Amino acid sequence: MSIKTPAIDLGCCILCEICIELAPHAFQINDAGFVEALPVESYASDNYSDEDIHEAIKNCPRNCITYE
């Protein structure tokens, strides 16, 4: 199974934190105060599902999240 990596366009992100609310294992606020996507290796496992990441992408008000 190929695991897609989420990416955030920081130029359009308004820090609403919906992505963190919906997929806290995949997104966080970094030390600089910006949202960042965590490395897939930190949360992917045999029972990995990216449904919550899809929800974060779908619910981002500025459409800042994509897959690399």
PDB file of N, CA and C in Angstrom:
ATOM      1  N   MET A   1       0.839  -1.170   0.000  1.00  0.00           N
ATOM      2  CA  MET A   1       0.000   0.000   0.000  1.00  0.00           C
ATOM      3  C   MET A   1       0.891   1.241   0.000  1.00  0.00           C
ATOM      4  N   SER A   2       0.604   2.163  -0.865  1.00  0.00           N
ATOM      5  CA  SER A   2       1.342   3.417  -0.946  1.00  0.00           C
ATOM      6  C   SER A   2       0.703   4.450  -0.021  1.00  0.00           C
ATOM      7  N   ILE A   3       1.500   5.014   0.849  1.00  0.00           N
ATOM      8  CA  ILE A   3       0.995   6.008   1.794  1.00  0.00           C
ATOM      9  C   ILE A   3       1.293   7.395   1.255  1.00  0.00           C
ATOM     10  N   LYS A   4       0.242   8.193   1.130  1.00  0.00           N
ATOM     11  CA  LYS A   4       0.403   9.554   0.640  1.00  0.00           C
ATOM     12  C   LYS A   4       0.779  10.468   1.797  1.00  0.00           C
ATOM     13  N   THR A   5       1.587  11.481   1.493  1.00  0.00           N
ATOM     14  CA  THR A   5       2.044  12.426   2.496  1.00  0.00           C
ATOM     15  C   THR A   5       1.266  13.735   2.370  1.00  0.00           C
ATOM     16  N   PRO A   6       0.588  14.174   3.448  1.00  0.00           N
ATOM     17  CA  PRO A   6      -0.099  15.453   3.377  1.00  0.00           C
ATOM     18  C   PRO A   6       0.894  16.614   3.398  1.00  0.00           C
ATOM     19  N   ALA A   7       0.538  17.682   2.713  1.00  0.00           N
ATOM     20  CA  ALA A   7       1.375  18.884   2.675  1.00  0.00           C
ATOM     21  C   ALA A   7       0.472  20.101   2.853  1.00  0.00           C
ATOM     22  N   ILE A   8       1.002  21.138   3.496  1.00  0.00           N
ATOM     23  CA  ILE A   8       0.238  22.349   3.773  1.00  0.00           C
ATOM     24  C   ILE A   8       0.877  23.533   3.062  1.00  0.00           C
ATOM     25  N   ASP A   9       0.062  24.300   2.353  1.00  0.00           N
ATOM     26  CA  ASP A   9       0.515  25.546   1.739  1.00  0.00           C
ATOM     27  C   ASP A   9       0.410  26.631   2.804  1.00  0.00           C
ATOM     28  N   LEU A  10       1.534  26.956   3.416  1.00  0.00           N
ATOM     29  CA  LEU A  10       1.533  27.927   4.515  1.00  0.00           C
ATOM     30  C   LEU A  10       1.173  29.329   4.063  1.00  0.00           C
ATOM     31  N   GLY A  11       1.303  29.616   2.770  1.00  0.00           N
ATOM     32  CA  GLY A  11       0.953  30.923   2.245  1.00  0.00           C
ATOM     33  C   GLY A  11      -0.533  31.217   2.304  1.00  0.00           C
ATOM     34  N   CYS A  12      -1.354  30.169   2.340  1.00  0.00           N
ATOM     35  CA  CYS A  12      -2.796  30.399   2.404  1.00  0.00           C
ATOM     36  C   CYS A  12      -3.409  29.952   3.724  1.00  0.00           C
ATOM     37  N   CYS A  13      -2.656  29.292   4.574  1.00  0.00           N
ATOM     38  CA  CYS A  13      -3.164  28.793   5.853  1.00  0.00           C
ATOM     39  C   CYS A  13      -3.516  29.963   6.777  1.00  0.00           C
ATOM     40  N   ILE A  14      -4.720  29.892   7.378  1.00  0.00           N
ATOM     41  CA  ILE A  14      -5.165  30.945   8.296  1.00  0.00           C
ATOM     42  C   ILE A  14      -5.125  30.469   9.751  1.00  0.00           C
ATOM     43  N   LEU A  15      -4.485  29.346   9.997  1.00  0.00           N
ATOM     44  CA  LEU A  15      -4.324  28.786  11.339  1.00  0.00           C
ATOM     45  C   LEU A  15      -5.650  28.530  12.040  1.00  0.00           C
ATOM     46  N   CYS A  16      -6.626  28.049  11.291  1.00  0.00           N
ATOM     47  CA  CYS A  16      -7.931  27.731  11.888  1.00  0.00           C
ATOM     48  C   CYS A  16      -7.852  26.467  12.743  1.00  0.00           C
ATOM     49  N   GLU A  17      -6.865  25.627  12.492  1.00  0.00           N
ATOM     50  CA  GLU A  17      -6.577  24.401  13.229  1.00  0.00           C
ATOM     51  C   GLU A  17      -7.610  23.300  13.042  1.00  0.00           C
ATOM     52  N   ILE A  18      -8.430  23.390  12.001  1.00  0.00           N
ATOM     53  CA  ILE A  18      -9.383  22.317  11.723  1.00  0.00           C
ATOM     54  C   ILE A  18      -8.646  21.014  11.437  1.00  0.00           C
ATOM     55  N   CYS A  19      -7.534  21.102  10.735  1.00  0.00           N
ATOM     56  CA  CYS A  19      -6.762  19.894  10.420  1.00  0.00           C
ATOM     57  C   CYS A  19      -6.275  19.211  11.702  1.00  0.00           C
ATOM     58  N   ILE A  20      -5.855  20.005  12.668  1.00  0.00           N
ATOM     59  CA  ILE A  20      -5.376  19.446  13.934  1.00  0.00           C
ATOM     60  C   ILE A  20      -6.526  18.821  14.713  1.00  0.00           C
ATOM     61  N   GLU A  21      -7.668  19.457  14.653  1.00  0.00           N
ATOM     62  CA  GLU A  21      -8.850  18.929  15.340  1.00  0.00           C
ATOM     63  C   GLU A  21      -9.297  17.597  14.738  1.00  0.00           C
ATOM     64  N   LEU A  22      -9.271  17.491  13.412  1.00  0.00           N
ATOM     65  CA  LEU A  22      -9.748  16.290  12.739  1.00  0.00           C
ATOM     66  C   LEU A  22      -8.709  15.181  12.647  1.00  0.00           C
ATOM     67  N   ALA A  23      -7.437  15.537  12.576  1.00  0.00           N
ATOM     68  CA  ALA A  23      -6.368  14.533  12.428  1.00  0.00           C
ATOM     69  C   ALA A  23      -5.159  14.928  13.276  1.00  0.00           C
ATOM     70  N   PRO A  24      -5.302  14.900  14.605  1.00  0.00           N
ATOM     71  CA  PRO A  24      -4.203  15.349  15.468  1.00  0.00           C
ATOM     72  C   PRO A  24      -2.946  14.498  15.375  1.00  0.00           C
ATOM     73  N   HIS A  25      -3.077  13.273  14.884  1.00  0.00           N
ATOM     74  CA  HIS A  25      -1.899  12.424  14.714  1.00  0.00           C
ATOM     75  C   HIS A  25      -1.077  12.836  13.501  1.00  0.00           C
ATOM     76  N   ALA A  26      -1.672  13.633  12.598  1.00  0.00           N
ATOM     77  CA  ALA A  26      -1.000  13.976  11.346  1.00  0.00           C
ATOM     78  C   ALA A  26      -0.583  15.439  11.239  1.00  0.00           C
ATOM     79  N   PHE A  27      -1.183  16.312  12.070  1.00  0.00           N
ATOM     80  CA  PHE A  27      -0.888  17.744  11.997  1.00  0.00           C
ATOM     81  C   PHE A  27      -0.657  18.302  13.392  1.00  0.00           C
ATOM     82  N   GLN A  28       0.203  19.323  13.463  1.00  0.00           N
ATOM     83  CA  GLN A  28       0.450  20.004  14.738  1.00  0.00           C
ATOM     84  C   GLN A  28       0.907  21.429  14.471  1.00  0.00           C
ATOM     85  N   ILE A  29       0.885  22.249  15.524  1.00  0.00           N
ATOM     86  CA  ILE A  29       1.462  23.585  15.454  1.00  0.00           C
ATOM     87  C   ILE A  29       2.927  23.438  15.848  1.00  0.00           C
ATOM     88  N   ASN A  30       3.828  23.918  15.007  1.00  0.00           N
ATOM     89  CA  ASN A  30       5.254  23.790  15.318  1.00  0.00           C
ATOM     90  C   ASN A  30       5.726  24.948  16.204  1.00  0.00           C
ATOM     91  N   ASP A  31       6.989  24.939  16.565  1.00  0.00           N
ATOM     92  CA  ASP A  31       7.552  25.950  17.461  1.00  0.00           C
ATOM     93  C   ASP A  31       7.492  27.363  16.885  1.00  0.00           C
ATOM     94  N   ALA A  32       7.424  27.476  15.569  1.00  0.00           N
ATOM     95  CA  ALA A  32       7.348  28.783  14.911  1.00  0.00           C
ATOM     96  C   ALA A  32       5.912  29.302  14.839  1.00  0.00           C
ATOM     97  N   GLY A  33       4.939  28.483  15.273  1.00  0.00           N
ATOM     98  CA  GLY A  33       3.545  28.898  15.281  1.00  0.00           C
ATOM     99  C   GLY A  33       2.775  28.583  14.014  1.00  0.00           C
ATOM    100  N   PHE A  34       3.335  27.731  13.162  1.00  0.00           N
ATOM    101  CA  PHE A  34       2.676  27.342  11.915  1.00  0.00           C
ATOM    102  C   PHE A  34       2.214  25.897  11.996  1.00  0.00           C
ATOM    103  N   VAL A  35       1.189  25.570  11.227  1.00  0.00           N
ATOM    104  CA  VAL A  35       0.739  24.186  11.139  1.00  0.00           C
ATOM    105  C   VAL A  35       1.738  23.414  10.295  1.00  0.00           C
ATOM    106  N   GLU A  36       2.052  22.209  10.733  1.00  0.00           N
ATOM    107  CA  GLU A  36       2.926  21.351   9.943  1.00  0.00           C
ATOM    108  C   GLU A  36       2.348  19.943   9.898  1.00  0.00           C
ATOM    109  N   ALA A  37       2.607  19.270   8.803  1.00  0.00           N
ATOM    110  CA  ALA A  37       2.236  17.861   8.661  1.00  0.00           C
ATOM    111  C   ALA A  37       3.354  17.034   9.278  1.00  0.00           C
ATOM    112  N   LEU A  38       2.977  16.119  10.133  1.00  0.00           N
ATOM    113  CA  LEU A  38       3.963  15.256  10.770  1.00  0.00           C
ATOM    114  C   LEU A  38       4.423  14.184   9.784  1.00  0.00           C
ATOM    115  N   PRO A  39       5.618  13.648   9.982  1.00  0.00           N
ATOM    116  CA  PRO A  39       6.106  12.592   9.089  1.00  0.00           C
ATOM    117  C   PRO A  39       5.162  11.386   9.119  1.00  0.00           C
ATOM    118  N   VAL A  40       4.829  10.873   7.963  1.00  0.00           N
ATOM    119  CA  VAL A  40       3.910   9.743   7.870  1.00  0.00           C
ATOM    120  C   VAL A  40       4.405   8.573   8.707  1.00  0.00           C
ATOM    121  N   GLU A  41       5.700   8.393   8.756  1.00  0.00           N
ATOM    122  CA  GLU A  41       6.269   7.272   9.509  1.00  0.00           C
ATOM    123  C   GLU A  41       5.915   7.342  10.992  1.00  0.00           C
ATOM    124  N   SER A  42       5.591   8.528  11.502  1.00  0.00           N
ATOM    125  CA  SER A  42       5.297   8.660  12.927  1.00  0.00           C
ATOM    126  C   SER A  42       3.905   8.149  13.291  1.00  0.00           C
ATOM    127  N   TYR A  43       3.023   7.966  12.293  1.00  0.00           N
ATOM    128  CA  TYR A  43       1.670   7.490  12.606  1.00  0.00           C
ATOM    129  C   TYR A  43       1.166   6.366  11.708  1.00  0.00           C
ATOM    130  N   ALA A  44       1.854   6.059  10.650  1.00  0.00           N
ATOM    131  CA  ALA A  44       1.414   4.982   9.759  1.00  0.00           C
ATOM    132  C   ALA A  44       1.736   3.629  10.385  1.00  0.00           C
ATOM    133  N   SER A  45       0.798   2.711  10.267  1.00  0.00           N
ATOM    134  CA  SER A  45       1.006   1.366  10.787  1.00  0.00           C
ATOM    135  C   SER A  45       0.222   0.392   9.913  1.00  0.00           C
ATOM    136  N   ASP A  46       0.202  -0.843  10.319  1.00  0.00           N
ATOM    137  CA  ASP A  46      -0.499  -1.861   9.538  1.00  0.00           C
ATOM    138  C   ASP A  46      -1.996  -1.570   9.428  1.00  0.00           C
ATOM    139  N   ASN A  47      -2.574  -0.964  10.455  1.00  0.00           N
ATOM    140  CA  ASN A  47      -4.004  -0.669  10.423  1.00  0.00           C
ATOM    141  C   ASN A  47      -4.245   0.810  10.094  1.00  0.00           C
ATOM    142  N   TYR A  48      -3.341   1.398   9.354  1.00  0.00           N
ATOM    143  CA  TYR A  48      -3.405   2.812   8.996  1.00  0.00           C
ATOM    144  C   TYR A  48      -4.596   3.111   8.082  1.00  0.00           C
ATOM    145  N   SER A  49      -5.311   4.172   8.405  1.00  0.00           N
ATOM    146  CA  SER A  49      -6.384   4.674   7.551  1.00  0.00           C
ATOM    147  C   SER A  49      -6.204   6.180   7.452  1.00  0.00           C
ATOM    148  N   ASP A  50      -6.305   6.701   6.243  1.00  0.00           N
ATOM    149  CA  ASP A  50      -6.122   8.140   6.079  1.00  0.00           C
ATOM    150  C   ASP A  50      -7.457   8.875   5.947  1.00  0.00           C
ATOM    151  N   GLU A  51      -8.531   8.248   6.415  1.00  0.00           N
ATOM    152  CA  GLU A  51      -9.857   8.858   6.313  1.00  0.00           C
ATOM    153  C   GLU A  51      -9.931  10.200   7.049  1.00  0.00           C
ATOM    154  N   ASP A  52      -9.322  10.289   8.226  1.00  0.00           N
ATOM    155  CA  ASP A  52      -9.361  11.548   8.969  1.00  0.00           C
ATOM    156  C   ASP A  52      -8.531  12.635   8.276  1.00  0.00           C
ATOM    157  N   ILE A  53      -7.475  12.246   7.588  1.00  0.00           N
ATOM    158  CA  ILE A  53      -6.694  13.218   6.816  1.00  0.00           C
ATOM    159  C   ILE A  53      -7.523  13.718   5.632  1.00  0.00           C
ATOM    160  N   HIS A  54      -8.255  12.805   4.995  1.00  0.00           N
ATOM    161  CA  HIS A  54      -9.167  13.218   3.913  1.00  0.00           C
ATOM    162  C   HIS A  54     -10.199  14.221   4.440  1.00  0.00           C
ATOM    163  N   GLU A  55     -10.702  13.992   5.647  1.00  0.00           N
ATOM    164  CA  GLU A  55     -11.668  14.918   6.252  1.00  0.00           C
ATOM    165  C   GLU A  55     -11.028  16.281   6.497  1.00  0.00           C
ATOM    166  N   ALA A  56      -9.786  16.281   6.950  1.00  0.00           N
ATOM    167  CA  ALA A  56      -9.076  17.550   7.167  1.00  0.00           C
ATOM    168  C   ALA A  56      -8.902  18.300   5.846  1.00  0.00           C
ATOM    169  N   ILE A  57      -8.542  17.584   4.796  1.00  0.00           N
ATOM    170  CA  ILE A  57      -8.386  18.203   3.478  1.00  0.00           C
ATOM    171  C   ILE A  57      -9.717  18.772   3.002  1.00  0.00           C
ATOM    172  N   LYS A  58     -10.773  17.991   3.146  1.00  0.00           N
ATOM    173  CA  LYS A  58     -12.094  18.395   2.687  1.00  0.00           C
ATOM    174  C   LYS A  58     -12.631  19.603   3.466  1.00  0.00           C
ATOM    175  N   ASN A  59     -12.297  19.702   4.745  1.00  0.00           N
ATOM    176  CA  ASN A  59     -12.851  20.748   5.596  1.00  0.00           C
ATOM    177  C   ASN A  59     -11.962  21.975   5.756  1.00  0.00           C
ATOM    178  N   CYS A  60     -10.791  21.972   5.152  1.00  0.00           N
ATOM    179  CA  CYS A  60      -9.909  23.142   5.223  1.00  0.00           C
ATOM    180  C   CYS A  60     -10.606  24.303   4.498  1.00  0.00           C
ATOM    181  N   PRO A  61     -10.866  25.406   5.216  1.00  0.00           N
ATOM    182  CA  PRO A  61     -11.616  26.502   4.592  1.00  0.00           C
ATOM    183  C   PRO A  61     -10.892  27.196   3.450  1.00  0.00           C
ATOM    184  N   ARG A  62      -9.582  27.075   3.395  1.00  0.00           N
ATOM    185  CA  ARG A  62      -8.807  27.735   2.332  1.00  0.00           C
ATOM    186  C   ARG A  62      -8.210  26.743   1.342  1.00  0.00           C
ATOM    187  N   ASN A  63      -8.519  25.455   1.499  1.00  0.00           N
ATOM    188  CA  ASN A  63      -7.995  24.405   0.625  1.00  0.00           C
ATOM    189  C   ASN A  63      -6.460  24.409   0.565  1.00  0.00           C
ATOM    190  N   CYS A  64      -5.856  24.497   1.724  1.00  0.00           N
ATOM    191  CA  CYS A  64      -4.397  24.580   1.833  1.00  0.00           C
ATOM    192  C   CYS A  64      -3.708  23.217   1.919  1.00  0.00           C
ATOM    193  N   ILE A  65      -4.471  22.156   2.131  1.00  0.00           N
ATOM    194  CA  ILE A  65      -3.868  20.845   2.343  1.00  0.00           C
ATOM    195  C   ILE A  65      -4.041  19.999   1.087  1.00  0.00           C
ATOM    196  N   THR A  66      -2.950  19.400   0.657  1.00  0.00           N
ATOM    197  CA  THR A  66      -2.950  18.499  -0.492  1.00  0.00           C
ATOM    198  C   THR A  66      -2.095  17.288  -0.129  1.00  0.00           C
ATOM    199  N   TYR A  67      -1.995  16.370  -1.046  1.00  0.00           N
ATOM    200  CA  TYR A  67      -1.071  15.247  -0.903  1.00  0.00           C
ATOM    201  C   TYR A  67       0.108  15.483  -1.819  1.00  0.00           C
ATOM    202  N   GLU A  68       1.299  15.143  -1.325  1.00  0.00           N
ATOM    203  CA  GLU A  68       2.517  15.237  -2.150  1.00  0.00           C
ATOM    204  C   GLU A  68       2.622  14.003  -3.009  1.00  0.00           C
TER     205      GLU A  68
END
